[in-house]
Amino acid sequence: MQCTFTNPLPIIMFNKELDPEDYYKSPEGFIVFTERYHLKRGHCCLSGCKHCPYGYDKGTHRVKGN
């Protein structure tokens, strides 16, 4: 099941307000996190995110370099 966020900005995740550079909305209304957000987060969430800077491969369930 996928969730869409229809609330007006600012978006708050884990009690922290997100910067506009941290995400964008897809044409379908989904929140898509940017590479910048993932780098600020500091680790891979292993979800196969579109802009994952850690090189996670959903097919092998591995992060690049591990």
Protein backbone atom coordinates (compact mmCIF):
# COMPACT_ATOMS: atom_id res chain seq x y z
CA MET A 1 0.00 0.00 0.00
CA GLN A 2 1.35 3.44 -0.90
CA CYS A 3 0.61 6.64 0.94
CA THR A 4 0.23 10.07 -0.54
CA PHE A 5 0.77 13.22 1.43
CA THR A 6 -1.77 15.88 0.57
CA ASN A 7 -1.09 18.22 3.49
CA PRO A 8 0.29 21.65 2.60
CA LEU A 9 3.98 22.32 3.21
CA PRO A 10 5.93 22.19 5.44
CA ILE A 11 6.25 18.42 5.57
CA ILE A 12 7.34 17.11 8.94
CA MET A 13 9.02 13.71 9.28
CA PHE A 14 10.17 12.27 12.60
CA ASN A 15 9.38 15.60 14.29
CA LYS A 16 11.76 17.48 11.98
CA GLU A 17 10.71 19.90 9.28
CA LEU A 18 12.08 18.99 5.87
CA ASP A 19 13.91 21.49 3.70
CA PRO A 20 12.47 22.04 0.22
CA GLU A 21 15.69 20.50 -1.21
CA ASP A 22 15.00 17.25 0.69
CA TYR A 23 12.06 16.08 -1.43
CA TYR A 24 9.71 16.77 -4.29
CA LYS A 25 6.21 15.60 -5.15
CA SER A 26 5.76 13.19 -8.01
CA PRO A 27 3.01 13.85 -10.58
CA GLU A 28 0.96 11.23 -8.69
CA GLY A 29 1.32 13.20 -5.44
CA PHE A 30 3.92 11.01 -3.71
CA ILE A 31 6.78 12.47 -1.66
CA VAL A 32 10.10 11.51 -3.31
CA PHE A 33 13.21 12.02 -1.19
CA THR A 34 16.27 13.48 -2.89
CA GLU A 35 19.86 12.27 -2.68
CA ARG A 36 20.54 15.26 -0.40
CA TYR A 37 17.93 14.01 2.10
CA HIS A 38 19.38 10.49 2.11
CA LEU A 39 22.90 11.82 2.69
CA LYS A 40 21.65 13.98 5.58
CA ARG A 41 19.95 10.89 7.00
CA GLY A 42 23.31 9.16 7.05
CA HIS A 43 22.46 5.57 6.17
CA CYS A 44 20.60 3.41 3.68
CA CYS A 45 17.06 2.40 4.68
CA LEU A 46 17.16 -0.65 2.35
CA SER A 47 13.90 0.33 0.65
CA GLY A 48 15.22 0.78 -2.88
CA CYS A 49 14.67 4.53 -2.96
CA LYS A 50 14.79 6.24 -6.34
CA HIS A 51 17.63 8.60 -5.37
CA CYS A 52 19.61 6.30 -3.03
CA PRO A 53 23.24 7.50 -2.92
CA TYR A 54 24.34 4.29 -1.17
CA GLY A 55 23.86 2.01 -4.17
CA TYR A 56 21.27 -0.34 -2.68
CA ASP A 57 20.20 -3.05 -5.13
CA LYS A 58 16.68 -4.33 -4.47
CA GLY A 59 17.40 -7.46 -6.50
CA THR A 60 20.39 -8.60 -4.44
CA HIS A 61 19.46 -6.80 -1.18
CA ARG A 62 22.99 -5.40 -0.97
CA VAL A 63 24.47 -1.96 -0.62
CA LYS A 64 27.29 -1.15 -3.03
CA GLY A 65 30.63 -1.97 -1.45
CA ASN A 66 29.24 -4.43 1.11
